Amino acid sequence: MRTYAAFLRGINVGGHNKLPMAELREALSADGFVEPKTLLQSGNVIFEHQATRVADVETALHDVIAERFGYDLPVVVRKAADIAPTLAASPYLDADVAPNQKFVAYLSKAPTKPTLTKVDFEVFAPDVFTVDGNHAYLLLPQGAAKSKLTTNHLEKVLGVTATLRNHNTVSKVSKAITDR
């Protein structure tokens, strides 16, 4: 068994796609996910699974949510061992702003180089972001509510599925993995 962290996109946000975490844990437990633990209400799940490929875990998790809850939601999964190093790699880790103004965007795959060369990063000022493989790091000094860098816009610019978590949330997920 391997330990994974999943980040679900678009649940329990603004009253849309309501998915009670207790029900999600029950559904996952019944479907081969071992010891699922949810953090917060925003779709962060840690669990063990027999699959060795992240893509297989994403498919299995997506299918459980679709079959049990009727939601066709993007799911991004990472090996648990990758969570802390991903956060530590943020170029904005030491930025003098609150942790809830620094984000990690978990991307479904790395954007293509031609896509990245077309991105006009200046248009988002004062917000900035950096792409590193299948992650993007965002610094939103005025907060997420005032940012032009919404998840939908980031997905459009990069051409991949994205789900954002602020540094506080990623730190909690990392700690929960360590405490397992």
C-alpha atoms as a PDB file:
ATOM      1  CA  MET A   1       0.000   0.000   0.000  1.00  0.00           C
ATOM      2  CA  ARG A   2       1.108   3.534  -0.769  1.00  0.00           C
ATOM      3  CA  THR A   3       0.010   6.730   0.910  1.00  0.00           C
ATOM      4  CA  TYR A   4      -1.471   9.476  -1.231  1.00  0.00           C
ATOM      5  CA  ALA A   5      -2.932  12.946  -0.833  1.00  0.00           C
ATOM      6  CA  ALA A   6      -5.836  13.997  -3.021  1.00  0.00           C
ATOM      7  CA  PHE A   7      -7.013  17.514  -3.746  1.00  0.00           C
ATOM      8  CA  LEU A   8     -10.555  17.725  -5.069  1.00  0.00           C
ATOM      9  CA  ARG A   9     -11.530  20.722  -7.173  1.00  0.00           C
ATOM     10  CA  GLY A  10     -14.719  22.665  -6.679  1.00  0.00           C
ATOM     11  CA  ILE A  11     -16.446  21.033  -3.722  1.00  0.00           C
ATOM     12  CA  ASN A  12     -18.098  22.809  -0.803  1.00  0.00           C
ATOM     13  CA  VAL A  13     -17.355  26.201  -2.360  1.00  0.00           C
ATOM     14  CA  GLY A  14     -20.079  28.830  -2.159  1.00  0.00           C
ATOM     15  CA  GLY A  15     -22.751  26.216  -1.515  1.00  0.00           C
ATOM     16  CA  HIS A  16     -21.959  24.289  -4.701  1.00  0.00           C
ATOM     17  CA  ASN A  17     -21.095  20.604  -5.018  1.00  0.00           C
ATOM     18  CA  LYS A  18     -21.757  19.872  -1.361  1.00  0.00           C
ATOM     19  CA  LEU A  19     -19.881  16.787  -0.322  1.00  0.00           C
ATOM     20  CA  PRO A  20     -19.889  15.922   3.381  1.00  0.00           C
ATOM     21  CA  MET A  21     -16.450  14.708   4.350  1.00  0.00           C
ATOM     22  CA  ALA A  22     -17.807  11.936   6.616  1.00  0.00           C
ATOM     23  CA  GLU A  23     -19.791  10.512   3.695  1.00  0.00           C
ATOM     24  CA  LEU A  24     -16.748  10.778   1.432  1.00  0.00           C
ATOM     25  CA  ARG A  25     -14.618   8.867   3.952  1.00  0.00           C
ATOM     26  CA  GLU A  26     -17.275   6.149   4.197  1.00  0.00           C
ATOM     27  CA  ALA A  27     -17.545   5.830   0.406  1.00  0.00           C
ATOM     28  CA  LEU A  28     -13.783   5.637  -0.008  1.00  0.00           C
ATOM     29  CA  SER A  29     -13.412   3.057   2.763  1.00  0.00           C
ATOM     30  CA  ALA A  30     -16.029   0.885   1.077  1.00  0.00           C
ATOM     31  CA  ASP A  31     -14.197   1.114  -2.240  1.00  0.00           C
ATOM     32  CA  GLY A  32     -10.627   0.046  -1.438  1.00  0.00           C
ATOM     33  CA  PHE A  33      -9.203   3.280  -0.042  1.00  0.00           C
ATOM     34  CA  VAL A  34      -7.550   2.471   3.285  1.00  0.00           C
ATOM     35  CA  GLU A  35      -7.893   4.769   6.295  1.00  0.00           C
ATOM     36  CA  PRO A  36      -9.091   7.866   4.411  1.00  0.00           C
ATOM     37  CA  LYS A  37      -8.703  11.047   6.415  1.00  0.00           C
ATOM     38  CA  THR A  38     -10.160  14.364   5.308  1.00  0.00           C
ATOM     39  CA  LEU A  39      -8.818  17.752   6.282  1.00  0.00           C
ATOM     40  CA  LEU A  40     -10.978  20.846   6.343  1.00  0.00           C
ATOM     41  CA  GLN A  41     -14.081  20.922   4.155  1.00  0.00           C
ATOM     42  CA  SER A  42     -12.334  21.808   0.907  1.00  0.00           C
ATOM     43  CA  GLY A  43     -11.608  18.329  -0.402  1.00  0.00           C
ATOM     44  CA  ASN A  44      -8.233  17.317   0.983  1.00  0.00           C
ATOM     45  CA  VAL A  45      -7.967  13.570   1.540  1.00  0.00           C
ATOM     46  CA  ILE A  46      -5.102  11.391   2.739  1.00  0.00           C
ATOM     47  CA  PHE A  47      -5.370   7.625   2.288  1.00  0.00           C
ATOM     48  CA  GLU A  48      -3.562   4.452   1.349  1.00  0.00           C
ATOM     49  CA  HIS A  49      -4.280   2.612  -1.879  1.00  0.00           C
ATOM     50  CA  GLN A  50      -2.947  -0.496  -3.558  1.00  0.00           C
ATOM     51  CA  ALA A  51      -2.410   1.211  -6.928  1.00  0.00           C
ATOM     52  CA  THR A  52       1.144   2.247  -7.698  1.00  0.00           C
ATOM     53  CA  ARG A  53       0.342   4.755 -10.436  1.00  0.00           C
ATOM     54  CA  VAL A  54      -1.039   8.152  -9.459  1.00  0.00           C
ATOM     55  CA  ALA A  55      -3.227   8.204 -12.586  1.00  0.00           C
ATOM     56  CA  ASP A  56      -4.920   4.977 -11.489  1.00  0.00           C
ATOM     57  CA  VAL A  57      -5.621   6.426  -8.044  1.00  0.00           C
ATOM     58  CA  GLU A  58      -7.052   9.611  -9.604  1.00  0.00           C
ATOM     59  CA  THR A  59      -9.363   7.548 -11.798  1.00  0.00           C
ATOM     60  CA  ALA A  60     -10.516   5.369  -8.901  1.00  0.00           C
ATOM     61  CA  LEU A  61     -11.198   8.397  -6.692  1.00  0.00           C
ATOM     62  CA  HIS A  62     -12.975  10.283  -9.477  1.00  0.00           C
ATOM     63  CA  ASP A  63     -15.163   7.250 -10.167  1.00  0.00           C
ATOM     64  CA  VAL A  64     -16.183   6.837  -6.510  1.00  0.00           C
ATOM     65  CA  ILE A  65     -17.226  10.496  -6.327  1.00  0.00           C
ATOM     66  CA  ALA A  66     -19.098  10.302  -9.636  1.00  0.00           C
ATOM     67  CA  GLU A  67     -20.899   7.048  -8.783  1.00  0.00           C
ATOM     68  CA  ARG A  68     -21.710   7.762  -5.139  1.00  0.00           C
ATOM     69  CA  PHE A  69     -22.332  11.509  -5.220  1.00  0.00           C
ATOM     70  CA  GLY A  70     -23.067  12.313  -8.873  1.00  0.00           C
ATOM     71  CA  TYR A  71     -20.247  14.849  -9.250  1.00  0.00           C
ATOM     72  CA  ASP A  72     -17.885  14.852 -12.217  1.00  0.00           C
ATOM     73  CA  LEU A  73     -15.106  16.709 -10.403  1.00  0.00           C
ATOM     74  CA  PRO A  74     -11.447  17.060 -11.250  1.00  0.00           C
ATOM     75  CA  VAL A  75      -9.231  15.158  -8.837  1.00  0.00           C
ATOM     76  CA  VAL A  76      -5.504  15.752  -8.473  1.00  0.00           C
ATOM     77  CA  VAL A  77      -3.492  13.190  -6.496  1.00  0.00           C
ATOM     78  CA  ARG A  78       0.083  13.285  -5.276  1.00  0.00           C
ATOM     79  CA  LYS A  79       2.238  10.738  -3.499  1.00  0.00           C
ATOM     80  CA  ALA A  80       2.231  11.681   0.174  1.00  0.00           C
ATOM     81  CA  ALA A  81       6.019  11.907   0.204  1.00  0.00           C
ATOM     82  CA  ASP A  82       5.842  14.737  -2.360  1.00  0.00           C
ATOM     83  CA  ILE A  83       3.676  17.138  -0.332  1.00  0.00           C
ATOM     84  CA  ALA A  84       6.281  18.622   2.033  1.00  0.00           C
ATOM     85  CA  PRO A  85       8.982  19.002  -0.665  1.00  0.00           C
ATOM     86  CA  THR A  86       6.489  20.711  -2.973  1.00  0.00           C
ATOM     87  CA  LEU A  87       5.661  23.281  -0.315  1.00  0.00           C
ATOM     88  CA  ALA A  88       9.337  23.760   0.532  1.00  0.00           C
ATOM     89  CA  ALA A  89      10.090  24.445  -3.146  1.00  0.00           C
ATOM     90  CA  SER A  90       7.792  27.469  -3.279  1.00  0.00           C
ATOM     91  CA  PRO A  91       9.717  30.524  -4.453  1.00  0.00           C
ATOM     92  CA  TYR A  92       7.364  32.594  -2.280  1.00  0.00           C
ATOM     93  CA  LEU A  93       7.852  30.640   0.924  1.00  0.00           C
ATOM     94  CA  ASP A  94       9.723  33.503   2.590  1.00  0.00           C
ATOM     95  CA  ALA A  95       7.625  36.311   1.097  1.00  0.00           C
ATOM     96  CA  ASP A  96       6.541  38.829   3.705  1.00  0.00           C
ATOM     97  CA  VAL A  97       2.814  38.170   3.383  1.00  0.00           C
ATOM     98  CA  ALA A  98       0.365  36.016   5.312  1.00  0.00           C
ATOM     99  CA  PRO A  99       0.447  32.252   4.588  1.00  0.00           C
ATOM    100  CA  ASN A 100      -3.090  32.499   3.194  1.00  0.00           C
ATOM    101  CA  GLN A 101      -1.754  34.781   0.437  1.00  0.00           C
ATOM    102  CA  LYS A 102       0.701  32.131  -0.794  1.00  0.00           C
ATOM    103  CA  PHE A 103      -0.659  29.198  -2.754  1.00  0.00           C
ATOM    104  CA  VAL A 104       0.288  25.927  -4.381  1.00  0.00           C
ATOM    105  CA  ALA A 105      -1.714  25.007  -7.470  1.00  0.00           C
ATOM    106  CA  TYR A 106      -1.729  21.266  -7.996  1.00  0.00           C
ATOM    107  CA  LEU A 107      -1.876  20.776 -11.762  1.00  0.00           C
ATOM    108  CA  SER A 108      -3.173  17.697 -13.558  1.00  0.00           C
ATOM    109  CA  LYS A 109       0.013  17.728 -15.633  1.00  0.00           C
ATOM    110  CA  ALA A 110       2.841  20.063 -16.490  1.00  0.00           C
ATOM    111  CA  PRO A 111       1.834  22.762 -18.979  1.00  0.00           C
ATOM    112  CA  THR A 112       3.598  22.548 -22.317  1.00  0.00           C
ATOM    113  CA  LYS A 113       6.552  24.817 -23.036  1.00  0.00           C
ATOM    114  CA  PRO A 114       4.752  26.482 -25.971  1.00  0.00           C
ATOM    115  CA  THR A 115       1.843  27.276 -23.618  1.00  0.00           C
ATOM    116  CA  LEU A 116       4.161  28.781 -21.018  1.00  0.00           C
ATOM    117  CA  THR A 117       5.934  30.980 -23.576  1.00  0.00           C
ATOM    118  CA  LYS A 118       2.576  32.575 -24.461  1.00  0.00           C
ATOM    119  CA  VAL A 119       1.705  33.524 -20.859  1.00  0.00           C
ATOM    120  CA  ASP A 120       1.823  37.246 -20.158  1.00  0.00           C
ATOM    121  CA  PHE A 121       2.753  37.126 -16.479  1.00  0.00           C
ATOM    122  CA  GLU A 122       2.658  40.940 -16.155  1.00  0.00           C
ATOM    123  CA  VAL A 123      -1.093  41.120 -16.729  1.00  0.00           C
ATOM    124  CA  PHE A 124      -1.688  39.622 -13.270  1.00  0.00           C
ATOM    125  CA  ALA A 125       0.300  42.223 -11.279  1.00  0.00           C
ATOM    126  CA  PRO A 126       0.522  42.654  -8.344  1.00  0.00           C
ATOM    127  CA  ASP A 127      -0.134  38.913  -8.251  1.00  0.00           C
ATOM    128  CA  VAL A 128       2.629  36.648  -9.476  1.00  0.00           C
ATOM    129  CA  PHE A 129       2.963  32.988 -10.229  1.00  0.00           C
ATOM    130  CA  THR A 130       5.659  30.548 -11.174  1.00  0.00           C
ATOM    131  CA  VAL A 131       5.213  27.155 -12.805  1.00  0.00           C
ATOM    132  CA  ASP A 132       7.447  24.270 -11.790  1.00  0.00           C
ATOM    133  CA  GLY A 133       6.493  21.020 -13.502  1.00  0.00           C
ATOM    134  CA  ASN A 134       3.022  19.949 -12.418  1.00  0.00           C
ATOM    135  CA  HIS A 135       2.761  22.682  -9.761  1.00  0.00           C
ATOM    136  CA  ALA A 136       2.290  26.409  -9.881  1.00  0.00           C
ATOM    137  CA  TYR A 137       3.141  28.698  -7.007  1.00  0.00           C
ATOM    138  CA  LEU A 138       1.093  31.854  -6.544  1.00  0.00           C
ATOM    139  CA  LEU A 139       1.673  34.963  -4.492  1.00  0.00           C
ATOM    140  CA  LEU A 140      -1.508  36.992  -4.078  1.00  0.00           C
ATOM    141  CA  PRO A 141      -0.537  39.958  -1.872  1.00  0.00           C
ATOM    142  CA  GLN A 142      -4.053  41.445  -1.879  1.00  0.00           C
ATOM    143  CA  GLY A 143      -5.653  38.086  -1.149  1.00  0.00           C
ATOM    144  CA  ALA A 144      -7.443  35.523  -3.280  1.00  0.00           C
ATOM    145  CA  ALA A 145     -10.746  37.425  -3.265  1.00  0.00           C
ATOM    146  CA  LYS A 146      -9.190  40.392  -5.093  1.00  0.00           C
ATOM    147  CA  SER A 147      -6.995  38.392  -7.433  1.00  0.00           C
ATOM    148  CA  LYS A 148      -7.342  38.022 -11.196  1.00  0.00           C
ATOM    149  CA  LEU A 149      -5.612  34.669 -10.808  1.00  0.00           C
ATOM    150  CA  THR A 150      -8.691  32.560 -10.157  1.00  0.00           C
ATOM    151  CA  THR A 151      -8.503  28.816 -10.589  1.00  0.00           C
ATOM    152  CA  ASN A 152     -10.587  29.059 -13.762  1.00  0.00           C
ATOM    153  CA  HIS A 153      -8.291  31.712 -15.212  1.00  0.00           C
ATOM    154  CA  LEU A 154      -5.174  29.759 -14.271  1.00  0.00           C
ATOM    155  CA  GLU A 155      -6.587  26.674 -15.987  1.00  0.00           C
ATOM    156  CA  LYS A 156      -7.388  28.679 -19.108  1.00  0.00           C
ATOM    157  CA  VAL A 157      -3.909  30.231 -19.268  1.00  0.00           C
ATOM    158  CA  LEU A 158      -2.035  26.973 -18.575  1.00  0.00           C
ATOM    159  CA  GLY A 159      -4.344  24.585 -20.438  1.00  0.00           C
ATOM    160  CA  VAL A 160      -4.494  22.075 -17.557  1.00  0.00           C
ATOM    161  CA  THR A 161      -6.734  21.315 -14.591  1.00  0.00           C
ATOM    162  CA  ALA A 162      -5.691  23.097 -11.404  1.00  0.00           C
ATOM    163  CA  THR A 163      -6.774  23.145  -7.801  1.00  0.00           C
ATOM    164  CA  LEU A 164      -5.358  25.681  -5.362  1.00  0.00           C
ATOM    165  CA  ARG A 165      -4.490  25.366  -1.693  1.00  0.00           C
ATOM    166  CA  ASN A 166      -2.965  28.071   0.455  1.00  0.00           C
ATOM    167  CA  HIS A 167       0.225  27.413   2.381  1.00  0.00           C
ATOM    168  CA  ASN A 168      -1.685  26.926   5.653  1.00  0.00           C
ATOM    169  CA  THR A 169      -3.737  24.126   4.122  1.00  0.00           C
ATOM    170  CA  VAL A 170      -0.754  22.442   2.477  1.00  0.00           C
ATOM    171  CA  SER A 171       1.110  22.615   5.792  1.00  0.00           C
ATOM    172  CA  LYS A 172      -1.840  20.920   7.542  1.00  0.00           C
ATOM    173  CA  VAL A 173      -1.940  18.191   4.904  1.00  0.00           C
ATOM    174  CA  SER A 174       1.804  17.674   5.251  1.00  0.00           C
ATOM    175  CA  LYS A 175       1.556  17.453   9.041  1.00  0.00           C
ATOM    176  CA  ALA A 176      -1.339  14.984   8.829  1.00  0.00           C
ATOM    177  CA  ILE A 177       0.781  12.787   6.565  1.00  0.00           C
ATOM    178  CA  THR A 178       3.677  12.924   9.014  1.00  0.00           C
ATOM    179  CA  ASP A 179       1.340  12.075  11.911  1.00  0.00           C
ATOM    180  CA  ARG A 180      -0.079   8.948  10.175  1.00  0.00           C
END
